[in-house]
Amino acid sequence: MDPETITAYCDACGGETLHEVMRVVSGGKRGMHVTARCSECGLVHQVEMSFERVKEIPIVVSWMGTSENDRMVAPLGERLRVGEEIYLDDDRLLITGIEADDGRMVKEAEVERIKTLFTKRYDRVRVKVSINRGSRTTSRNIFVAPEEEFEVGEVLEVDGIKAVIHRMKLEEHFITRGAAPARKIVRIYAKEVREKWRR
């Protein structure tokens, strides 16, 4: 069995290094003292290890009209807010709602007061695109990273259709110039670019 290792501050090295735990000196509910050896310089000294108090929170993860129930562990004292990004395993999530322990929906709360956390997957976001094709308009969806930017005047290719962006609806207003990240875009309006054939 491999020896247990921890990261701890070493006075001789002047920074945090990997340590091998040699033996437990004392322990309790809040932490323990161990004798450990620095893997960099070999210094043997006592290290205090504190146990972080955590809470397991029920979490609802939504994506494309479906929802899944899961659980996450967060340290007590931490404050979570609607609109904040968090990670569950390798999944990037956006907090969309917080149910407090009294049943109220709140904008933010400390971990110990959270009953349920509502989130949506945020590794990719859906951007709706309306493409004007002469006498008709077609609607398409594209899926991109939240940080990806779109700019008025930019040419998109969606499902084989080339179109130039002429305006974008953001969360609170329309823009007819400039750029915006995908996470803030409600809908992109574009006009089909028809290529002129040469003889």
N, C-alpha and C. Protein backbone atom coordinates (compact mmCIF):
# COMPACT_ATOMS: atom_id res chain seq x y z
N MET A 1 0.85 -1.19 0.00
CA MET A 1 0.00 0.00 0.00
C MET A 1 0.89 1.25 0.00
N ASP A 2 0.57 2.19 -0.90
CA ASP A 2 1.36 3.42 -0.99
C ASP A 2 1.12 4.29 0.22
N PRO A 3 2.15 5.01 0.69
CA PRO A 3 1.97 5.91 1.83
C PRO A 3 1.06 7.07 1.44
N GLU A 4 0.30 7.58 2.42
CA GLU A 4 -0.59 8.71 2.17
C GLU A 4 0.24 9.97 2.01
N THR A 5 -0.14 10.78 1.03
CA THR A 5 0.57 12.03 0.82
C THR A 5 -0.40 13.21 0.94
N ILE A 6 0.14 14.35 1.38
CA ILE A 6 -0.63 15.57 1.52
C ILE A 6 0.21 16.74 1.00
N THR A 7 -0.45 17.84 0.74
CA THR A 7 0.26 19.07 0.39
C THR A 7 0.30 19.95 1.63
N ALA A 8 1.49 20.38 2.01
CA ALA A 8 1.64 21.19 3.23
C ALA A 8 2.80 22.17 3.06
N TYR A 9 2.83 23.21 3.93
CA TYR A 9 3.89 24.21 3.87
C TYR A 9 5.15 23.67 4.54
N CYS A 10 6.28 23.83 3.84
CA CYS A 10 7.57 23.40 4.38
C CYS A 10 8.43 24.63 4.64
N ASP A 11 8.87 24.82 5.91
CA ASP A 11 9.69 25.97 6.27
C ASP A 11 11.02 25.98 5.53
N ALA A 12 11.60 24.80 5.33
CA ALA A 12 12.90 24.72 4.68
C ALA A 12 12.82 25.09 3.20
N CYS A 13 11.75 24.66 2.56
CA CYS A 13 11.59 24.95 1.12
C CYS A 13 10.96 26.32 0.89
N GLY A 14 10.28 26.84 1.91
CA GLY A 14 9.64 28.15 1.79
C GLY A 14 8.39 28.16 0.95
N GLY A 15 7.70 27.04 0.90
CA GLY A 15 6.46 26.96 0.12
C GLY A 15 5.77 25.63 0.34
N GLU A 16 4.63 25.46 -0.34
CA GLU A 16 3.88 24.21 -0.22
C GLU A 16 4.51 23.13 -1.10
N THR A 17 4.69 21.96 -0.50
CA THR A 17 5.26 20.83 -1.23
C THR A 17 4.48 19.56 -0.88
N LEU A 18 4.75 18.52 -1.60
CA LEU A 18 4.14 17.22 -1.31
C LEU A 18 4.84 16.61 -0.11
N HIS A 19 4.06 16.08 0.84
CA HIS A 19 4.59 15.45 2.05
C HIS A 19 4.08 14.02 2.17
N GLU A 20 4.93 13.16 2.72
CA GLU A 20 4.51 11.80 3.05
C GLU A 20 4.11 11.75 4.52
N VAL A 21 2.88 11.29 4.79
CA VAL A 21 2.41 11.19 6.17
C VAL A 21 3.06 9.96 6.81
N MET A 22 3.79 10.20 7.93
CA MET A 22 4.49 9.11 8.61
C MET A 22 3.64 8.52 9.73
N ARG A 23 3.01 9.41 10.53
CA ARG A 23 2.12 8.91 11.58
C ARG A 23 1.21 10.03 12.06
N VAL A 24 0.06 9.63 12.62
CA VAL A 24 -0.89 10.58 13.18
C VAL A 24 -0.52 10.82 14.64
N VAL A 25 -0.32 12.07 15.01
CA VAL A 25 0.04 12.42 16.39
C VAL A 25 -1.21 12.56 17.24
N SER A 26 -2.20 13.31 16.76
CA SER A 26 -3.46 13.47 17.48
C SER A 26 -4.54 13.84 16.49
N GLY A 27 -5.79 13.58 16.85
CA GLY A 27 -6.88 13.88 15.94
C GLY A 27 -8.16 14.19 16.68
N GLY A 28 -9.08 14.83 16.02
CA GLY A 28 -10.37 15.18 16.60
C GLY A 28 -11.37 15.46 15.50
N LYS A 29 -12.51 16.05 15.86
CA LYS A 29 -13.58 16.31 14.90
C LYS A 29 -13.20 17.38 13.89
N ARG A 30 -12.36 18.32 14.29
CA ARG A 30 -12.04 19.43 13.41
C ARG A 30 -10.76 19.23 12.60
N GLY A 31 -9.95 18.23 12.97
CA GLY A 31 -8.72 18.00 12.24
C GLY A 31 -7.77 17.11 13.01
N MET A 32 -6.52 17.09 12.55
CA MET A 32 -5.52 16.24 13.21
C MET A 32 -4.12 16.81 13.01
N HIS A 33 -3.19 16.37 13.88
CA HIS A 33 -1.78 16.68 13.72
C HIS A 33 -1.08 15.40 13.27
N VAL A 34 -0.26 15.54 12.23
CA VAL A 34 0.46 14.38 11.72
C VAL A 34 1.94 14.71 11.62
N THR A 35 2.76 13.67 11.69
CA THR A 35 4.19 13.81 11.40
C THR A 35 4.37 13.47 9.92
N ALA A 36 4.99 14.41 9.19
CA ALA A 36 5.12 14.21 7.75
C ALA A 36 6.52 14.58 7.29
N ARG A 37 6.94 13.98 6.16
CA ARG A 37 8.26 14.23 5.59
C ARG A 37 8.09 14.93 4.25
N CYS A 38 8.80 16.06 4.07
CA CYS A 38 8.76 16.80 2.82
C CYS A 38 9.42 15.98 1.71
N SER A 39 8.76 15.82 0.61
CA SER A 39 9.31 15.02 -0.49
C SER A 39 10.41 15.76 -1.25
N GLU A 40 10.51 17.09 -1.02
CA GLU A 40 11.52 17.89 -1.72
C GLU A 40 12.86 17.90 -0.98
N CYS A 41 12.80 18.21 0.35
CA CYS A 41 14.06 18.36 1.09
C CYS A 41 14.24 17.31 2.19
N GLY A 42 13.21 16.53 2.47
CA GLY A 42 13.33 15.48 3.48
C GLY A 42 13.06 15.92 4.90
N LEU A 43 12.71 17.21 5.11
CA LEU A 43 12.42 17.71 6.46
C LEU A 43 11.23 16.97 7.06
N VAL A 44 11.41 16.49 8.31
CA VAL A 44 10.33 15.84 9.04
C VAL A 44 9.79 16.82 10.07
N HIS A 45 8.49 17.08 10.02
CA HIS A 45 7.90 18.03 10.97
C HIS A 45 6.42 17.71 11.15
N GLN A 46 5.82 18.39 12.15
CA GLN A 46 4.40 18.18 12.40
C GLN A 46 3.57 19.13 11.53
N VAL A 47 2.49 18.60 11.02
CA VAL A 47 1.60 19.35 10.14
C VAL A 47 0.19 19.27 10.70
N GLU A 48 -0.47 20.42 10.77
CA GLU A 48 -1.86 20.44 11.22
C GLU A 48 -2.78 20.32 10.01
N MET A 49 -3.67 19.34 10.04
CA MET A 49 -4.63 19.13 8.96
C MET A 49 -6.03 19.42 9.49
N SER A 50 -6.72 20.39 8.88
CA SER A 50 -8.08 20.70 9.32
C SER A 50 -9.08 20.04 8.39
N PHE A 51 -10.17 19.58 8.96
CA PHE A 51 -11.23 18.96 8.18
C PHE A 51 -12.20 20.04 7.74
N GLU A 52 -12.40 20.16 6.45
CA GLU A 52 -13.35 21.14 5.94
C GLU A 52 -14.76 20.61 6.14
N ARG A 53 -15.61 21.41 6.76
CA ARG A 53 -17.00 21.01 6.99
C ARG A 53 -17.78 21.27 5.71
N VAL A 54 -18.49 20.26 5.26
CA VAL A 54 -19.20 20.34 3.98
C VAL A 54 -20.66 19.91 4.14
N LYS A 55 -21.44 20.20 3.12
CA LYS A 55 -22.85 19.79 3.08
C LYS A 55 -23.15 19.23 1.70
N GLU A 56 -23.93 18.17 1.66
CA GLU A 56 -24.36 17.60 0.40
C GLU A 56 -25.69 18.25 0.00
N ILE A 57 -25.73 18.84 -1.18
CA ILE A 57 -26.90 19.59 -1.63
C ILE A 57 -27.55 18.88 -2.82
N PRO A 58 -28.89 18.67 -2.78
CA PRO A 58 -29.59 18.17 -3.96
C PRO A 58 -29.50 19.20 -5.08
N ILE A 59 -29.27 18.74 -6.30
CA ILE A 59 -29.10 19.66 -7.42
C ILE A 59 -29.89 19.14 -8.62
N VAL A 60 -30.58 20.04 -9.29
CA VAL A 60 -31.34 19.71 -10.50
C VAL A 60 -30.58 20.28 -11.69
N VAL A 61 -30.24 19.42 -12.64
CA VAL A 61 -29.48 19.83 -13.83
C VAL A 61 -30.39 19.75 -15.05
N SER A 62 -30.63 20.89 -15.70
CA SER A 62 -31.52 20.94 -16.86
C SER A 62 -30.72 21.13 -18.14
N TRP A 63 -31.26 20.57 -19.22
CA TRP A 63 -30.64 20.74 -20.54
C TRP A 63 -31.64 20.34 -21.61
N MET A 64 -31.95 21.27 -22.50
CA MET A 64 -32.82 21.01 -23.66
C MET A 64 -34.16 20.39 -23.26
N GLY A 65 -34.78 20.95 -22.24
CA GLY A 65 -36.12 20.50 -21.86
C GLY A 65 -36.18 19.30 -20.95
N THR A 66 -35.04 18.73 -20.60
CA THR A 66 -35.03 17.60 -19.67
C THR A 66 -34.26 17.98 -18.41
N SER A 67 -34.59 17.32 -17.31
CA SER A 67 -33.92 17.60 -16.03
C SER A 67 -33.50 16.31 -15.36
N GLU A 68 -32.35 16.37 -14.69
CA GLU A 68 -31.85 15.21 -13.94
C GLU A 68 -31.53 15.65 -12.52
N ASN A 69 -31.76 14.76 -11.57
CA ASN A 69 -31.46 15.03 -10.17
C ASN A 69 -30.09 14.47 -9.83
N ASP A 70 -29.32 15.23 -9.09
CA ASP A 70 -27.99 14.80 -8.68
C ASP A 70 -27.70 15.41 -7.31
N ARG A 71 -26.50 15.24 -6.82
CA ARG A 71 -26.10 15.83 -5.55
C ARG A 71 -24.68 16.37 -5.69
N MET A 72 -24.39 17.47 -4.99
CA MET A 72 -23.04 18.01 -4.99
C MET A 72 -22.63 18.33 -3.56
N VAL A 73 -21.34 18.33 -3.31
CA VAL A 73 -20.80 18.66 -1.99
C VAL A 73 -20.15 20.03 -2.05
N ALA A 74 -20.52 20.89 -1.08
CA ALA A 74 -19.96 22.25 -1.03
C ALA A 74 -19.58 22.57 0.41
N PRO A 75 -18.52 23.36 0.61
CA PRO A 75 -18.09 23.71 1.97
C PRO A 75 -19.06 24.65 2.66
N LEU A 76 -19.31 24.43 3.94
CA LEU A 76 -20.16 25.32 4.72
C LEU A 76 -19.53 26.71 4.78
N GLY A 77 -20.36 27.72 4.76
CA GLY A 77 -19.86 29.09 4.78
C GLY A 77 -19.72 29.70 3.40
N GLU A 78 -19.65 28.84 2.38
CA GLU A 78 -19.56 29.36 1.01
C GLU A 78 -20.92 29.91 0.59
N ARG A 79 -20.91 30.98 -0.19
CA ARG A 79 -22.15 31.61 -0.64
C ARG A 79 -22.32 31.37 -2.14
N LEU A 80 -23.48 30.85 -2.53
CA LEU A 80 -23.76 30.60 -3.94
C LEU A 80 -24.82 31.58 -4.43
N ARG A 81 -24.70 31.98 -5.71
CA ARG A 81 -25.58 33.00 -6.27
C ARG A 81 -26.15 32.56 -7.61
N VAL A 82 -27.37 33.00 -7.90
CA VAL A 82 -27.96 32.79 -9.22
C VAL A 82 -27.10 33.52 -10.24
N GLY A 83 -26.81 32.84 -11.36
CA GLY A 83 -25.95 33.42 -12.39
C GLY A 83 -24.50 33.03 -12.25
N GLU A 84 -24.16 32.33 -11.15
CA GLU A 84 -22.78 31.90 -10.92
C GLU A 84 -22.53 30.56 -11.60
N GLU A 85 -21.31 30.37 -12.09
CA GLU A 85 -20.93 29.09 -12.70
C GLU A 85 -20.30 28.18 -11.66
N ILE A 86 -20.68 26.91 -11.70
CA ILE A 86 -20.10 25.91 -10.82
C ILE A 86 -19.76 24.66 -11.64
N TYR A 87 -19.05 23.73 -11.04
CA TYR A 87 -18.71 22.48 -11.71
C TYR A 87 -19.23 21.31 -10.90
N LEU A 88 -19.83 20.34 -11.59
CA LEU A 88 -20.25 19.08 -11.00
C LEU A 88 -19.51 18.00 -11.76
N ASP A 89 -18.53 17.39 -11.09
CA ASP A 89 -17.59 16.50 -11.78
C ASP A 89 -16.93 17.32 -12.90
N ASP A 90 -17.10 16.91 -14.16
CA ASP A 90 -16.49 17.66 -15.26
C ASP A 90 -17.50 18.55 -15.98
N ASP A 91 -18.74 18.58 -15.48
CA ASP A 91 -19.78 19.36 -16.15
C ASP A 91 -19.80 20.80 -15.66
N ARG A 92 -19.82 21.73 -16.59
CA ARG A 92 -19.91 23.14 -16.27
C ARG A 92 -21.40 23.51 -16.19
N LEU A 93 -21.80 24.10 -15.06
CA LEU A 93 -23.21 24.41 -14.83
C LEU A 93 -23.38 25.89 -14.49
N LEU A 94 -24.58 26.39 -14.79
CA LEU A 94 -24.96 27.76 -14.43
C LEU A 94 -26.11 27.68 -13.43
N ILE A 95 -25.96 28.34 -12.28
CA ILE A 95 -27.03 28.33 -11.28
C ILE A 95 -28.18 29.21 -11.77
N THR A 96 -29.38 28.62 -11.87
CA THR A 96 -30.56 29.36 -12.35
C THR A 96 -31.56 29.62 -11.23
N GLY A 97 -31.46 28.91 -10.13
CA GLY A 97 -32.39 29.11 -9.02
C GLY A 97 -31.87 28.47 -7.74
N ILE A 98 -32.23 29.07 -6.61
CA ILE A 98 -31.81 28.55 -5.30
C ILE A 98 -33.04 28.48 -4.40
N GLU A 99 -33.36 27.28 -3.92
CA GLU A 99 -34.43 27.11 -2.95
C GLU A 99 -33.82 27.07 -1.56
N ALA A 100 -34.22 28.01 -0.71
CA ALA A 100 -33.69 28.08 0.65
C ALA A 100 -34.38 27.04 1.54
N ASP A 101 -33.82 26.84 2.74
CA ASP A 101 -34.37 25.83 3.65
C ASP A 101 -35.77 26.15 4.14
N ASP A 102 -36.23 27.40 3.95
CA ASP A 102 -37.60 27.75 4.34
C ASP A 102 -38.57 27.65 3.16
N GLY A 103 -38.10 27.13 2.02
CA GLY A 103 -38.95 26.93 0.86
C GLY A 103 -39.01 28.10 -0.10
N ARG A 104 -38.42 29.24 0.27
CA ARG A 104 -38.44 30.41 -0.60
C ARG A 104 -37.37 30.29 -1.69
N MET A 105 -37.66 30.87 -2.86
CA MET A 105 -36.66 30.97 -3.92
C MET A 105 -35.90 32.27 -3.71
N VAL A 106 -34.58 32.18 -3.63
CA VAL A 106 -33.75 33.35 -3.33
C VAL A 106 -32.68 33.52 -4.40
N LYS A 107 -32.09 34.71 -4.46
CA LYS A 107 -31.04 35.01 -5.44
C LYS A 107 -29.67 34.50 -4.98
N GLU A 108 -29.46 34.42 -3.66
CA GLU A 108 -28.20 33.91 -3.13
C GLU A 108 -28.42 33.38 -1.72
N ALA A 109 -27.53 32.48 -1.30
CA ALA A 109 -27.65 31.92 0.05
C ALA A 109 -26.37 31.20 0.41
N GLU A 110 -26.11 31.11 1.71
CA GLU A 110 -24.98 30.31 2.17
C GLU A 110 -25.35 28.83 2.05
N VAL A 111 -24.34 28.01 1.85
CA VAL A 111 -24.53 26.58 1.60
C VAL A 111 -25.42 25.93 2.65
N GLU A 112 -25.22 26.29 3.92
CA GLU A 112 -25.99 25.64 4.99
C GLU A 112 -27.49 25.94 4.93
N ARG A 113 -27.88 27.00 4.17
CA ARG A 113 -29.29 27.38 4.07
C ARG A 113 -29.94 26.89 2.78
N ILE A 114 -29.17 26.23 1.93
CA ILE A 114 -29.70 25.81 0.62
C ILE A 114 -30.36 24.44 0.72
N LYS A 115 -31.62 24.39 0.26
CA LYS A 115 -32.36 23.12 0.23
C LYS A 115 -32.15 22.42 -1.11
N THR A 116 -32.29 23.17 -2.20
CA THR A 116 -32.11 22.62 -3.55
C THR A 116 -31.48 23.67 -4.45
N LEU A 117 -30.60 23.22 -5.32
CA LEU A 117 -29.94 24.10 -6.28
C LEU A 117 -30.44 23.73 -7.67
N PHE A 118 -30.90 24.73 -8.43
CA PHE A 118 -31.37 24.51 -9.79
C PHE A 118 -30.33 25.06 -10.77
N THR A 119 -29.96 24.25 -11.73
CA THR A 119 -28.90 24.63 -12.66
C THR A 119 -29.24 24.20 -14.08
N LYS A 120 -28.43 24.68 -15.03
CA LYS A 120 -28.51 24.16 -16.40
C LYS A 120 -27.09 23.95 -16.89
N ARG A 121 -26.95 22.98 -17.78
CA ARG A 121 -25.63 22.72 -18.36
C ARG A 121 -25.15 23.97 -19.08
N TYR A 122 -23.85 24.24 -18.95
CA TYR A 122 -23.32 25.50 -19.46
C TYR A 122 -22.02 25.32 -20.22
N ASP A 123 -21.70 24.08 -20.58
CA ASP A 123 -20.51 23.88 -21.40
C ASP A 123 -20.77 24.36 -22.82
N ARG A 124 -22.05 24.25 -23.23
CA ARG A 124 -22.48 24.80 -24.51
C ARG A 124 -23.84 25.44 -24.32
N VAL A 125 -24.11 26.50 -25.05
CA VAL A 125 -25.41 27.16 -24.98
C VAL A 125 -26.07 27.11 -26.36
N ARG A 126 -27.39 27.15 -26.35
CA ARG A 126 -28.12 27.17 -27.61
C ARG A 126 -28.39 28.62 -28.02
N VAL A 127 -28.05 28.95 -29.26
CA VAL A 127 -28.34 30.27 -29.80
C VAL A 127 -29.33 30.09 -30.95
N LYS A 128 -30.45 30.79 -30.88
CA LYS A 128 -31.46 30.71 -31.93
C LYS A 128 -31.09 31.69 -33.05
N VAL A 129 -31.24 31.22 -34.27
CA VAL A 129 -30.90 32.04 -35.43
C VAL A 129 -32.10 32.08 -36.38
N SER A 130 -32.58 33.28 -36.70
CA SER A 130 -33.64 33.47 -37.70
C SER A 130 -32.97 33.96 -38.99
N ILE A 131 -33.16 33.19 -40.07
CA ILE A 131 -32.51 33.52 -41.34
C ILE A 131 -33.57 33.93 -42.36
N ASN A 132 -33.47 35.17 -42.84
CA ASN A 132 -34.38 35.67 -43.87
C ASN A 132 -33.90 35.18 -45.23
N ARG A 133 -34.78 34.46 -45.92
CA ARG A 133 -34.42 33.89 -47.22
C ARG A 133 -35.39 34.41 -48.28
N GLY A 134 -35.41 35.73 -48.44
CA GLY A 134 -36.32 36.34 -49.41
C GLY A 134 -37.71 36.48 -48.83
N SER A 135 -38.65 35.66 -49.33
CA SER A 135 -40.05 35.76 -48.89
C SER A 135 -40.35 34.91 -47.66
N ARG A 136 -39.38 34.17 -47.18
CA ARG A 136 -39.62 33.34 -46.00
C ARG A 136 -38.45 33.42 -45.03
N THR A 137 -38.76 33.08 -43.79
CA THR A 137 -37.74 33.07 -42.72
C THR A 137 -37.68 31.70 -42.10
N THR A 138 -36.49 31.18 -41.97
CA THR A 138 -36.31 29.87 -41.33
C THR A 138 -35.59 30.05 -40.01
N SER A 139 -35.90 29.17 -39.08
CA SER A 139 -35.29 29.25 -37.75
C SER A 139 -34.38 28.05 -37.53
N ARG A 140 -33.21 28.31 -37.00
CA ARG A 140 -32.23 27.27 -36.74
C ARG A 140 -31.64 27.45 -35.33
N ASN A 141 -31.05 26.39 -34.81
CA ASN A 141 -30.34 26.45 -33.52
C ASN A 141 -28.88 26.11 -33.76
N ILE A 142 -28.00 26.84 -33.09
CA ILE A 142 -26.58 26.46 -33.09
C ILE A 142 -26.14 26.33 -31.64
N PHE A 143 -25.17 25.45 -31.40
CA PHE A 143 -24.69 25.19 -30.06
C PHE A 143 -23.21 25.53 -29.98
N VAL A 144 -22.88 26.48 -29.11
CA VAL A 144 -21.52 26.99 -29.03
C VAL A 144 -21.12 27.20 -27.57
N ALA A 145 -19.83 27.46 -27.35
CA ALA A 145 -19.36 27.78 -26.00
C ALA A 145 -19.94 29.13 -25.57
N PRO A 146 -20.26 29.31 -24.28
CA PRO A 146 -20.87 30.57 -23.81
C PRO A 146 -20.05 31.81 -24.15
N GLU A 147 -18.72 31.67 -24.22
CA GLU A 147 -17.85 32.83 -24.46
C GLU A 147 -17.71 33.19 -25.94
N GLU A 148 -18.15 32.29 -26.83
CA GLU A 148 -17.96 32.57 -28.26
C GLU A 148 -18.74 33.81 -28.66
N GLU A 149 -18.07 34.71 -29.38
CA GLU A 149 -18.70 35.98 -29.75
C GLU A 149 -19.24 35.96 -31.18
N PHE A 150 -20.34 36.69 -31.37
CA PHE A 150 -20.91 36.91 -32.69
C PHE A 150 -20.99 38.41 -32.92
N GLU A 151 -20.79 38.82 -34.16
CA GLU A 151 -20.74 40.25 -34.47
C GLU A 151 -21.67 40.59 -35.62
N VAL A 152 -22.34 41.73 -35.51
CA VAL A 152 -23.18 42.22 -36.60
C VAL A 152 -22.29 42.43 -37.82
N GLY A 153 -22.72 41.91 -38.96
CA GLY A 153 -21.92 41.97 -40.18
C GLY A 153 -21.16 40.69 -40.46
N GLU A 154 -21.08 39.83 -39.46
CA GLU A 154 -20.38 38.54 -39.61
C GLU A 154 -21.22 37.59 -40.46
N VAL A 155 -20.55 36.78 -41.26
CA VAL A 155 -21.24 35.78 -42.09
C VAL A 155 -21.21 34.44 -41.37
N LEU A 156 -22.40 33.86 -41.17
CA LEU A 156 -22.54 32.55 -40.53
C LEU A 156 -22.85 31.50 -41.59
N GLU A 157 -22.52 30.26 -41.29
CA GLU A 157 -22.99 29.16 -42.12
C GLU A 157 -23.71 28.19 -41.20
N VAL A 158 -25.03 28.08 -41.38
CA VAL A 158 -25.86 27.23 -40.53
C VAL A 158 -26.58 26.21 -41.41
N ASP A 159 -26.30 24.94 -41.18
CA ASP A 159 -26.92 23.87 -41.98
C ASP A 159 -26.78 24.12 -43.48
N GLY A 160 -25.60 24.60 -43.87
CA GLY A 160 -25.32 24.82 -45.28
C GLY A 160 -25.83 26.14 -45.83
N ILE A 161 -26.48 26.95 -44.98
CA ILE A 161 -26.99 28.25 -45.41
C ILE A 161 -26.03 29.33 -44.95
N LYS A 162 -25.54 30.14 -45.89
CA LYS A 162 -24.68 31.27 -45.52
C LYS A 162 -25.56 32.50 -45.31
N ALA A 163 -25.35 33.19 -44.20
CA ALA A 163 -26.17 34.36 -43.89
C ALA A 163 -25.34 35.38 -43.14
N VAL A 164 -25.65 36.66 -43.36
CA VAL A 164 -24.94 37.74 -42.69
C VAL A 164 -25.82 38.28 -41.55
N ILE A 165 -25.21 38.44 -40.38
CA ILE A 165 -25.94 38.94 -39.21
C ILE A 165 -26.24 40.43 -39.40
N HIS A 166 -27.52 40.82 -39.24
CA HIS A 166 -27.84 42.25 -39.35
C HIS A 166 -28.33 42.83 -38.03
N ARG A 167 -28.75 41.99 -37.09
CA ARG A 167 -29.05 42.46 -35.74
C ARG A 167 -29.13 41.28 -34.79
N MET A 168 -29.03 41.57 -33.50
CA MET A 168 -29.10 40.53 -32.48
C MET A 168 -29.95 41.00 -31.31
N LYS A 169 -30.77 40.11 -30.80
CA LYS A 169 -31.55 40.40 -29.61
C LYS A 169 -30.78 39.87 -28.41
N LEU A 170 -30.42 40.76 -27.51
CA LEU A 170 -29.76 40.36 -26.27
C LEU A 170 -30.81 40.22 -25.18
N GLU A 171 -30.38 40.01 -23.95
CA GLU A 171 -31.33 39.76 -22.87
C GLU A 171 -32.27 40.94 -22.63
N GLU A 172 -31.79 42.17 -22.86
CA GLU A 172 -32.61 43.34 -22.54
C GLU A 172 -32.83 44.30 -23.72
N HIS A 173 -32.12 44.12 -24.83
CA HIS A 173 -32.26 45.05 -25.94
C HIS A 173 -31.72 44.45 -27.23
N PHE A 174 -31.97 45.15 -28.34
CA PHE A 174 -31.44 44.76 -29.65
C PHE A 174 -30.17 45.54 -29.94
N ILE A 175 -29.28 44.95 -30.72
CA ILE A 175 -28.12 45.70 -31.20
C ILE A 175 -28.02 45.53 -32.72
N THR A 176 -27.60 46.59 -33.40
CA THR A 176 -27.43 46.54 -34.85
C THR A 176 -25.98 46.81 -35.24
N ARG A 177 -25.11 46.87 -34.24
CA ARG A 177 -23.68 46.98 -34.48
C ARG A 177 -22.95 46.42 -33.26
N GLY A 178 -21.69 46.03 -33.49
CA GLY A 178 -20.91 45.50 -32.38
C GLY A 178 -21.05 44.00 -32.23
N ALA A 179 -20.53 43.47 -31.12
CA ALA A 179 -20.49 42.03 -30.89
C ALA A 179 -21.01 41.70 -29.50
N ALA A 180 -21.32 40.43 -29.29
CA ALA A 180 -21.81 39.98 -27.98
C ALA A 180 -21.48 38.50 -27.81
N PRO A 181 -21.22 38.05 -26.57
CA PRO A 181 -20.98 36.63 -26.34
C PRO A 181 -22.28 35.83 -26.43
N ALA A 182 -22.16 34.57 -26.79
CA ALA A 182 -23.33 33.71 -26.99
C ALA A 182 -24.23 33.64 -25.76
N ARG A 183 -23.63 33.69 -24.57
CA ARG A 183 -24.43 33.54 -23.35
C ARG A 183 -25.43 34.67 -23.15
N LYS A 184 -25.20 35.82 -23.83
CA LYS A 184 -26.10 36.97 -23.67
C LYS A 184 -27.07 37.11 -24.84
N ILE A 185 -26.93 36.27 -25.85
CA ILE A 185 -27.75 36.40 -27.05
C ILE A 185 -29.02 35.57 -26.93
N VAL A 186 -30.16 36.22 -27.15
CA VAL A 186 -31.45 35.53 -27.17
C VAL A 186 -31.73 35.01 -28.57
N ARG A 187 -31.48 35.85 -29.58
CA ARG A 187 -31.68 35.43 -30.96
C ARG A 187 -30.82 36.27 -31.91
N ILE A 188 -30.33 35.60 -32.95
CA ILE A 188 -29.58 36.27 -34.02
C ILE A 188 -30.49 36.37 -35.24
N TYR A 189 -30.51 37.56 -35.86
CA TYR A 189 -31.27 37.77 -37.09
C TYR A 189 -30.27 37.95 -38.23
N ALA A 190 -30.46 37.17 -39.28
CA ALA A 190 -29.51 37.20 -40.39
C ALA A 190 -30.23 37.11 -41.73
N LYS A 191 -29.57 37.56 -42.79
CA LYS A 191 -30.11 37.49 -44.15
C LYS A 191 -29.23 36.57 -44.98
N GLU A 192 -29.88 35.71 -45.75
CA GLU A 192 -29.14 34.75 -46.56
C GLU A 192 -28.26 35.48 -47.58
N VAL A 193 -27.04 34.96 -47.72
CA VAL A 193 -26.12 35.48 -48.73
C VAL A 193 -26.20 34.57 -49.94
N ARG A 194 -26.68 35.12 -51.03
CA ARG A 194 -26.81 34.31 -52.25
C ARG A 194 -25.62 34.58 -53.15
N GLU A 195 -24.91 33.53 -53.48
CA GLU A 195 -23.73 33.66 -54.31
C GLU A 195 -24.13 33.91 -55.77
N LYS A 196 -23.44 34.82 -56.41
CA LYS A 196 -23.70 35.11 -57.82
C LYS A 196 -22.83 34.20 -58.68
N TRP A 197 -23.51 33.47 -59.55
CA TRP A 197 -22.78 32.56 -60.43
C TRP A 197 -22.25 33.32 -61.65
N ARG A 198 -21.00 33.03 -61.98
CA ARG A 198 -20.39 33.65 -63.15
C ARG A 198 -20.35 32.66 -64.30
N ARG A 199 -20.55 33.18 -65.53
CA ARG A 199 -20.45 32.32 -66.70
C ARG A 199 -19.03 32.35 -67.24
